[in-house]
Amino acid sequence: MATHVSETPTTRAQTYHKPFAAGWTLFAACLMIFGGAMAILEGIGAVINNTRYVVTGSYVYSFNVTGWGWLHLSLGILIFLAGCALFTGAVWARVVGVVAAGFGMLANFLWLPYYPFWAIVLIAVNIFVIWALTAGTHREAVRA
C-alpha cells in the first residue's frame, strides 16, 4: 500500500534549491554585462581622447574628462564583474549589483553634459537593473 504525502506550496518553496539564477536575475545579469561593457568603452574613450567630449554649456559638476574616464572605466569593470557573478545566484551579487548600478546611475547623471544620449541610455539600463534585482526575488520565490 502506497502512502501519499501531500506537499504544501510553502514546503515546496522552502525545499527547492536553485543552483543558478533564474528569471529577472538573469535579465539583470545580462543588462549589467551590457551596461558594464558600455561604461568600459565610455571610460576608455574618455581616457584615450579627452578632447572628443565637449561640455554643453556651464555645468555645476565640471571635472576633468580624463578623471571621469577613469571613474567610468572602474565602475564599468565593477558592474561587468557583478553581472557575471549574478549567474551564480548569490545574494551578495544582488547587493553588489544594486549598489554598483546605483553608483553607475549617479556617475552617468553627472556625465550628462559631456555625452547626453549615452548617459541617458546607461541611466535607463541601471534603472532596469535595480528594478530587476529588487523585484525579482519575490517573484522567483512565489514561482518556485
N, C-alpha and C. Protein backbone atom coordinates (compact mmCIF):
# COMPACT_ATOMS: atom_id res chain seq x y z
N MET A 1 0.83 -1.16 0.00
CA MET A 1 0.00 0.00 0.00
C MET A 1 0.89 1.24 0.00
N ALA A 2 0.68 2.10 -0.94
CA ALA A 2 1.50 3.31 -1.06
C ALA A 2 0.87 4.43 -0.24
N THR A 3 1.73 5.18 0.37
CA THR A 3 1.25 6.33 1.13
C THR A 3 1.44 7.57 0.30
N HIS A 4 0.52 8.45 0.42
CA HIS A 4 0.57 9.70 -0.35
C HIS A 4 0.91 10.85 0.59
N VAL A 5 1.99 11.54 0.29
CA VAL A 5 2.39 12.69 1.09
C VAL A 5 2.02 13.94 0.33
N SER A 6 1.15 14.72 0.91
CA SER A 6 0.78 15.97 0.24
C SER A 6 1.83 17.02 0.53
N GLU A 7 2.11 17.77 -0.47
CA GLU A 7 3.13 18.80 -0.36
C GLU A 7 2.47 20.17 -0.47
N THR A 8 2.66 20.98 0.53
CA THR A 8 2.08 22.33 0.51
C THR A 8 2.98 23.25 -0.29
N PRO A 9 2.43 24.33 -0.79
CA PRO A 9 3.25 25.27 -1.57
C PRO A 9 4.41 25.84 -0.77
N THR A 10 4.21 26.07 0.54
CA THR A 10 5.31 26.64 1.32
C THR A 10 6.41 25.62 1.53
N THR A 11 6.06 24.34 1.70
CA THR A 11 7.08 23.30 1.87
C THR A 11 7.89 23.15 0.59
N ARG A 12 7.21 23.14 -0.54
CA ARG A 12 7.92 23.01 -1.81
C ARG A 12 8.85 24.18 -2.05
N ALA A 13 8.44 25.42 -1.71
CA ALA A 13 9.27 26.59 -1.91
C ALA A 13 10.46 26.58 -0.97
N GLN A 14 10.29 26.02 0.22
CA GLN A 14 11.39 26.00 1.18
C GLN A 14 12.43 24.96 0.81
N THR A 15 12.02 23.85 0.23
CA THR A 15 12.97 22.79 -0.07
C THR A 15 13.57 22.89 -1.47
N TYR A 16 13.03 23.76 -2.29
CA TYR A 16 13.52 23.90 -3.65
C TYR A 16 14.84 24.65 -3.64
N HIS A 17 15.85 24.07 -4.26
CA HIS A 17 17.18 24.67 -4.29
C HIS A 17 17.52 25.06 -5.73
N LYS A 18 17.92 26.30 -5.92
CA LYS A 18 18.29 26.77 -7.26
C LYS A 18 19.80 27.00 -7.30
N PRO A 19 20.53 26.18 -8.02
CA PRO A 19 21.97 26.39 -8.10
C PRO A 19 22.33 27.59 -8.97
N PHE A 20 21.48 27.95 -9.90
CA PHE A 20 21.75 29.08 -10.79
C PHE A 20 20.62 30.08 -10.67
N ALA A 21 20.93 31.28 -11.05
CA ALA A 21 19.91 32.33 -11.01
C ALA A 21 18.88 32.09 -12.11
N ALA A 22 17.70 32.66 -11.92
CA ALA A 22 16.65 32.46 -12.92
C ALA A 22 15.84 33.73 -13.08
N GLY A 23 15.11 33.81 -14.19
CA GLY A 23 14.14 34.88 -14.40
C GLY A 23 14.74 36.27 -14.44
N TRP A 24 14.25 37.10 -13.54
CA TRP A 24 14.66 38.50 -13.51
C TRP A 24 16.14 38.67 -13.16
N THR A 25 16.68 37.73 -12.40
CA THR A 25 18.10 37.83 -12.07
C THR A 25 18.96 37.65 -13.33
N LEU A 26 18.58 36.73 -14.19
CA LEU A 26 19.31 36.56 -15.45
C LEU A 26 19.17 37.79 -16.35
N PHE A 27 17.97 38.37 -16.35
CA PHE A 27 17.75 39.60 -17.11
C PHE A 27 18.66 40.72 -16.59
N ALA A 28 18.73 40.86 -15.27
CA ALA A 28 19.59 41.88 -14.66
C ALA A 28 21.06 41.59 -14.96
N ALA A 29 21.46 40.33 -14.91
CA ALA A 29 22.85 39.98 -15.19
C ALA A 29 23.24 40.34 -16.62
N CYS A 30 22.36 40.04 -17.57
CA CYS A 30 22.64 40.38 -18.96
C CYS A 30 22.71 41.90 -19.15
N LEU A 31 21.79 42.62 -18.52
CA LEU A 31 21.84 44.08 -18.61
C LEU A 31 23.09 44.64 -17.96
N MET A 32 23.52 44.05 -16.85
CA MET A 32 24.73 44.55 -16.19
C MET A 32 25.97 44.29 -17.04
N ILE A 33 26.03 43.15 -17.68
CA ILE A 33 27.17 42.87 -18.54
C ILE A 33 27.18 43.85 -19.72
N PHE A 34 26.01 44.08 -20.30
CA PHE A 34 25.89 45.04 -21.40
C PHE A 34 26.22 46.46 -20.94
N GLY A 35 25.63 46.90 -19.82
CA GLY A 35 25.88 48.25 -19.30
C GLY A 35 27.31 48.43 -18.84
N GLY A 36 27.88 47.40 -18.23
CA GLY A 36 29.28 47.49 -17.81
C GLY A 36 30.22 47.60 -18.99
N ALA A 37 29.94 46.85 -20.05
CA ALA A 37 30.77 46.95 -21.26
C ALA A 37 30.65 48.34 -21.88
N MET A 38 29.44 48.90 -21.88
CA MET A 38 29.27 50.26 -22.41
C MET A 38 30.03 51.29 -21.57
N ALA A 39 29.99 51.13 -20.25
CA ALA A 39 30.71 52.05 -19.38
C ALA A 39 32.22 51.91 -19.55
N ILE A 40 32.68 50.68 -19.77
CA ILE A 40 34.11 50.47 -20.02
C ILE A 40 34.53 51.19 -21.30
N LEU A 41 33.73 51.05 -22.35
CA LEU A 41 34.05 51.74 -23.61
C LEU A 41 33.99 53.26 -23.43
N GLU A 42 33.02 53.73 -22.66
CA GLU A 42 32.92 55.16 -22.37
C GLU A 42 34.16 55.66 -21.64
N GLY A 43 34.61 54.88 -20.66
CA GLY A 43 35.80 55.25 -19.90
C GLY A 43 37.06 55.23 -20.75
N ILE A 44 37.21 54.20 -21.57
CA ILE A 44 38.39 54.12 -22.45
C ILE A 44 38.41 55.29 -23.42
N GLY A 45 37.24 55.63 -23.98
CA GLY A 45 37.17 56.77 -24.91
C GLY A 45 37.54 58.07 -24.24
N ALA A 46 37.15 58.26 -22.98
CA ALA A 46 37.48 59.50 -22.28
C ALA A 46 38.94 59.55 -21.87
N VAL A 47 39.53 58.41 -21.54
CA VAL A 47 40.94 58.40 -21.14
C VAL A 47 41.86 58.59 -22.34
N ILE A 48 41.57 57.91 -23.44
CA ILE A 48 42.45 57.96 -24.61
C ILE A 48 42.36 59.29 -25.34
N ASN A 49 41.14 59.78 -25.56
CA ASN A 49 40.97 61.01 -26.34
C ASN A 49 39.98 61.93 -25.61
N ASN A 50 40.50 62.67 -24.65
CA ASN A 50 39.60 63.50 -23.84
C ASN A 50 39.14 64.77 -24.55
N THR A 51 39.70 65.08 -25.71
CA THR A 51 39.24 66.26 -26.45
C THR A 51 37.99 65.96 -27.28
N ARG A 52 37.60 64.69 -27.37
CA ARG A 52 36.41 64.31 -28.13
C ARG A 52 35.14 64.82 -27.46
N TYR A 53 35.14 64.90 -26.14
CA TYR A 53 33.95 65.29 -25.40
C TYR A 53 33.93 66.81 -25.20
N VAL A 54 32.80 67.40 -25.48
CA VAL A 54 32.63 68.84 -25.36
C VAL A 54 31.53 69.09 -24.34
N VAL A 55 31.78 69.97 -23.40
CA VAL A 55 30.79 70.30 -22.39
C VAL A 55 29.73 71.19 -23.02
N THR A 56 28.47 70.87 -22.77
CA THR A 56 27.36 71.62 -23.37
C THR A 56 26.93 72.76 -22.46
N GLY A 57 27.73 73.77 -22.34
CA GLY A 57 27.41 74.94 -21.52
C GLY A 57 28.03 74.85 -20.14
N SER A 58 27.71 75.83 -19.31
CA SER A 58 28.26 75.82 -17.95
C SER A 58 27.45 74.84 -17.10
N TYR A 59 28.15 74.03 -16.36
CA TYR A 59 27.53 72.99 -15.57
C TYR A 59 28.21 72.97 -14.21
N VAL A 60 27.46 72.71 -13.19
CA VAL A 60 28.00 72.75 -11.83
C VAL A 60 29.08 71.70 -11.63
N TYR A 61 28.87 70.51 -12.20
CA TYR A 61 29.80 69.40 -11.99
C TYR A 61 30.78 69.26 -13.15
N SER A 62 31.56 70.29 -13.40
CA SER A 62 32.53 70.21 -14.48
C SER A 62 33.86 69.74 -13.90
N PHE A 63 34.28 68.57 -14.33
CA PHE A 63 35.53 67.97 -13.88
C PHE A 63 36.39 67.63 -15.09
N ASN A 64 37.58 67.19 -14.83
CA ASN A 64 38.50 66.77 -15.86
C ASN A 64 37.94 65.53 -16.56
N VAL A 65 37.91 65.52 -17.88
CA VAL A 65 37.34 64.40 -18.63
C VAL A 65 38.14 63.13 -18.43
N THR A 66 39.46 63.23 -18.28
CA THR A 66 40.27 62.04 -18.05
C THR A 66 39.92 61.41 -16.71
N GLY A 67 39.69 62.23 -15.70
CA GLY A 67 39.27 61.71 -14.41
C GLY A 67 37.92 61.00 -14.49
N TRP A 68 36.99 61.59 -15.25
CA TRP A 68 35.71 60.94 -15.47
C TRP A 68 35.89 59.62 -16.20
N GLY A 69 36.84 59.59 -17.13
CA GLY A 69 37.10 58.36 -17.87
C GLY A 69 37.55 57.23 -16.95
N TRP A 70 38.45 57.53 -16.03
CA TRP A 70 38.91 56.51 -15.09
C TRP A 70 37.78 56.07 -14.16
N LEU A 71 36.93 57.01 -13.78
CA LEU A 71 35.78 56.66 -12.94
C LEU A 71 34.83 55.72 -13.68
N HIS A 72 34.49 56.05 -14.92
CA HIS A 72 33.59 55.20 -15.70
C HIS A 72 34.23 53.85 -16.02
N LEU A 73 35.52 53.85 -16.25
CA LEU A 73 36.22 52.59 -16.51
C LEU A 73 36.15 51.67 -15.30
N SER A 74 36.45 52.20 -14.12
CA SER A 74 36.43 51.36 -12.91
C SER A 74 35.01 50.93 -12.56
N LEU A 75 34.03 51.83 -12.69
CA LEU A 75 32.64 51.44 -12.43
C LEU A 75 32.15 50.41 -13.45
N GLY A 76 32.55 50.57 -14.70
CA GLY A 76 32.17 49.60 -15.73
C GLY A 76 32.71 48.22 -15.45
N ILE A 77 33.95 48.15 -15.00
CA ILE A 77 34.53 46.85 -14.64
C ILE A 77 33.79 46.24 -13.46
N LEU A 78 33.48 47.05 -12.45
CA LEU A 78 32.73 46.56 -11.29
C LEU A 78 31.34 46.06 -11.69
N ILE A 79 30.64 46.81 -12.51
CA ILE A 79 29.30 46.42 -12.95
C ILE A 79 29.36 45.16 -13.81
N PHE A 80 30.34 45.08 -14.70
CA PHE A 80 30.50 43.90 -15.55
C PHE A 80 30.76 42.65 -14.71
N LEU A 81 31.68 42.74 -13.75
CA LEU A 81 32.00 41.59 -12.91
C LEU A 81 30.84 41.21 -12.00
N ALA A 82 30.11 42.20 -11.50
CA ALA A 82 28.93 41.90 -10.68
C ALA A 82 27.86 41.21 -11.52
N GLY A 83 27.72 41.61 -12.77
CA GLY A 83 26.78 40.93 -13.67
C GLY A 83 27.17 39.49 -13.91
N CYS A 84 28.46 39.23 -14.07
CA CYS A 84 28.92 37.84 -14.23
C CYS A 84 28.67 37.03 -12.96
N ALA A 85 28.85 37.65 -11.80
CA ALA A 85 28.63 36.95 -10.53
C ALA A 85 27.16 36.65 -10.28
N LEU A 86 26.27 37.42 -10.89
CA LEU A 86 24.84 37.18 -10.72
C LEU A 86 24.40 35.83 -11.30
N PHE A 87 25.15 35.28 -12.23
CA PHE A 87 24.78 33.99 -12.80
C PHE A 87 24.87 32.87 -11.77
N THR A 88 25.59 33.09 -10.67
CA THR A 88 25.66 32.08 -9.61
C THR A 88 24.44 32.12 -8.71
N GLY A 89 23.70 33.22 -8.73
CA GLY A 89 22.52 33.35 -7.88
C GLY A 89 22.82 33.75 -6.45
N ALA A 90 24.04 34.17 -6.17
CA ALA A 90 24.42 34.55 -4.81
C ALA A 90 23.74 35.85 -4.38
N VAL A 91 23.37 35.91 -3.12
CA VAL A 91 22.70 37.11 -2.59
C VAL A 91 23.67 38.30 -2.58
N TRP A 92 24.94 38.04 -2.28
CA TRP A 92 25.91 39.14 -2.24
C TRP A 92 26.05 39.78 -3.62
N ALA A 93 25.88 38.97 -4.67
CA ALA A 93 25.98 39.51 -6.03
C ALA A 93 24.80 40.44 -6.32
N ARG A 94 23.62 40.13 -5.77
CA ARG A 94 22.48 41.04 -5.90
C ARG A 94 22.76 42.37 -5.22
N VAL A 95 23.30 42.30 -4.01
CA VAL A 95 23.58 43.53 -3.25
C VAL A 95 24.62 44.37 -3.98
N VAL A 96 25.69 43.73 -4.41
CA VAL A 96 26.73 44.45 -5.15
C VAL A 96 26.16 45.01 -6.45
N GLY A 97 25.28 44.25 -7.10
CA GLY A 97 24.66 44.72 -8.34
C GLY A 97 23.81 45.96 -8.14
N VAL A 98 23.01 45.98 -7.08
CA VAL A 98 22.17 47.15 -6.81
C VAL A 98 23.02 48.36 -6.46
N VAL A 99 24.03 48.17 -5.63
CA VAL A 99 24.90 49.29 -5.24
C VAL A 99 25.70 49.80 -6.44
N ALA A 100 26.26 48.89 -7.23
CA ALA A 100 27.05 49.30 -8.40
C ALA A 100 26.17 50.00 -9.43
N ALA A 101 24.95 49.51 -9.64
CA ALA A 101 24.04 50.17 -10.59
C ALA A 101 23.64 51.55 -10.07
N GLY A 102 23.48 51.68 -8.76
CA GLY A 102 23.18 53.00 -8.19
C GLY A 102 24.31 53.99 -8.41
N PHE A 103 25.53 53.54 -8.18
CA PHE A 103 26.68 54.42 -8.43
C PHE A 103 26.82 54.72 -9.93
N GLY A 104 26.50 53.73 -10.76
CA GLY A 104 26.54 53.95 -12.20
C GLY A 104 25.53 54.99 -12.64
N MET A 105 24.34 54.96 -12.05
CA MET A 105 23.32 55.97 -12.36
C MET A 105 23.80 57.36 -11.95
N LEU A 106 24.37 57.45 -10.76
CA LEU A 106 24.86 58.74 -10.27
C LEU A 106 25.98 59.28 -11.16
N ALA A 107 26.92 58.42 -11.52
CA ALA A 107 28.03 58.85 -12.37
C ALA A 107 27.54 59.29 -13.74
N ASN A 108 26.57 58.58 -14.29
CA ASN A 108 26.06 58.97 -15.61
C ASN A 108 25.19 60.21 -15.55
N PHE A 109 24.54 60.45 -14.43
CA PHE A 109 23.82 61.70 -14.28
C PHE A 109 24.79 62.88 -14.30
N LEU A 110 25.91 62.72 -13.63
CA LEU A 110 26.92 63.78 -13.63
C LEU A 110 27.65 63.87 -14.97
N TRP A 111 27.58 62.83 -15.79
CA TRP A 111 28.24 62.78 -17.09
C TRP A 111 27.36 63.38 -18.19
N LEU A 112 26.10 63.73 -17.86
CA LEU A 112 25.15 64.24 -18.86
C LEU A 112 25.67 65.37 -19.74
N PRO A 113 26.39 66.38 -19.22
CA PRO A 113 26.81 67.45 -20.13
C PRO A 113 27.89 67.04 -21.12
N TYR A 114 28.57 65.92 -20.87
CA TYR A 114 29.65 65.50 -21.76
C TYR A 114 29.13 64.65 -22.92
N TYR A 115 28.20 63.74 -22.64
CA TYR A 115 27.67 62.84 -23.66
C TYR A 115 26.25 62.47 -23.28
N PRO A 116 25.29 63.35 -23.57
CA PRO A 116 23.93 63.19 -23.03
C PRO A 116 23.21 61.91 -23.43
N PHE A 117 23.24 61.54 -24.70
CA PHE A 117 22.49 60.38 -25.14
C PHE A 117 23.01 59.09 -24.49
N TRP A 118 24.32 58.93 -24.50
CA TRP A 118 24.95 57.75 -23.92
C TRP A 118 24.65 57.67 -22.43
N ALA A 119 24.70 58.81 -21.74
CA ALA A 119 24.43 58.83 -20.31
C ALA A 119 22.98 58.47 -20.01
N ILE A 120 22.05 58.96 -20.81
CA ILE A 120 20.64 58.64 -20.59
C ILE A 120 20.38 57.15 -20.82
N VAL A 121 21.00 56.58 -21.83
CA VAL A 121 20.84 55.14 -22.09
C VAL A 121 21.36 54.33 -20.90
N LEU A 122 22.53 54.70 -20.38
CA LEU A 122 23.09 53.95 -19.25
C LEU A 122 22.30 54.17 -17.97
N ILE A 123 21.72 55.35 -17.79
CA ILE A 123 20.85 55.57 -16.63
C ILE A 123 19.64 54.65 -16.72
N ALA A 124 19.05 54.55 -17.90
CA ALA A 124 17.89 53.67 -18.09
C ALA A 124 18.26 52.20 -17.85
N VAL A 125 19.41 51.78 -18.34
CA VAL A 125 19.86 50.40 -18.13
C VAL A 125 20.03 50.13 -16.64
N ASN A 126 20.63 51.07 -15.92
CA ASN A 126 20.83 50.89 -14.48
C ASN A 126 19.51 50.89 -13.71
N ILE A 127 18.54 51.67 -14.16
CA ILE A 127 17.22 51.64 -13.52
C ILE A 127 16.59 50.26 -13.69
N PHE A 128 16.66 49.70 -14.89
CA PHE A 128 16.11 48.37 -15.12
C PHE A 128 16.85 47.31 -14.31
N VAL A 129 18.16 47.47 -14.15
CA VAL A 129 18.94 46.52 -13.35
C VAL A 129 18.47 46.54 -11.90
N ILE A 130 18.35 47.72 -11.34
CA ILE A 130 17.92 47.83 -9.94
C ILE A 130 16.51 47.25 -9.79
N TRP A 131 15.63 47.57 -10.72
CA TRP A 131 14.27 47.04 -10.64
C TRP A 131 14.27 45.52 -10.72
N ALA A 132 15.02 44.95 -11.66
CA ALA A 132 15.03 43.50 -11.83
C ALA A 132 15.64 42.79 -10.63
N LEU A 133 16.66 43.39 -10.02
CA LEU A 133 17.29 42.75 -8.87
C LEU A 133 16.44 42.84 -7.61
N THR A 134 15.70 43.91 -7.46
CA THR A 134 14.90 44.06 -6.25
C THR A 134 13.52 43.44 -6.39
N ALA A 135 12.93 43.47 -7.57
CA ALA A 135 11.59 42.90 -7.75
C ALA A 135 11.66 41.41 -8.05
N GLY A 136 12.78 40.92 -8.54
CA GLY A 136 12.88 39.53 -8.95
C GLY A 136 12.88 38.53 -7.82
N THR A 137 13.33 38.90 -6.64
CA THR A 137 13.44 37.96 -5.52
C THR A 137 12.06 37.43 -5.13
N HIS A 138 11.11 38.31 -4.97
CA HIS A 138 9.77 37.89 -4.55
C HIS A 138 9.08 37.06 -5.63
N ARG A 139 9.19 37.49 -6.86
CA ARG A 139 8.51 36.77 -7.94
C ARG A 139 9.09 35.38 -8.15
N GLU A 140 10.41 35.24 -8.02
CA GLU A 140 11.02 33.92 -8.19
C GLU A 140 10.68 33.00 -7.03
N ALA A 141 10.53 33.54 -5.82
CA ALA A 141 10.19 32.72 -4.66
C ALA A 141 8.75 32.21 -4.77
N VAL A 142 7.87 33.00 -5.33
CA VAL A 142 6.48 32.60 -5.48
C VAL A 142 6.36 31.47 -6.52
N ARG A 143 7.12 31.57 -7.61
CA ARG A 143 7.07 30.55 -8.66
C ARG A 143 7.66 29.22 -8.23
N ALA A 144 8.66 29.26 -7.37
CA ALA A 144 9.39 28.03 -7.01
C ALA A 144 8.59 27.06 -6.24
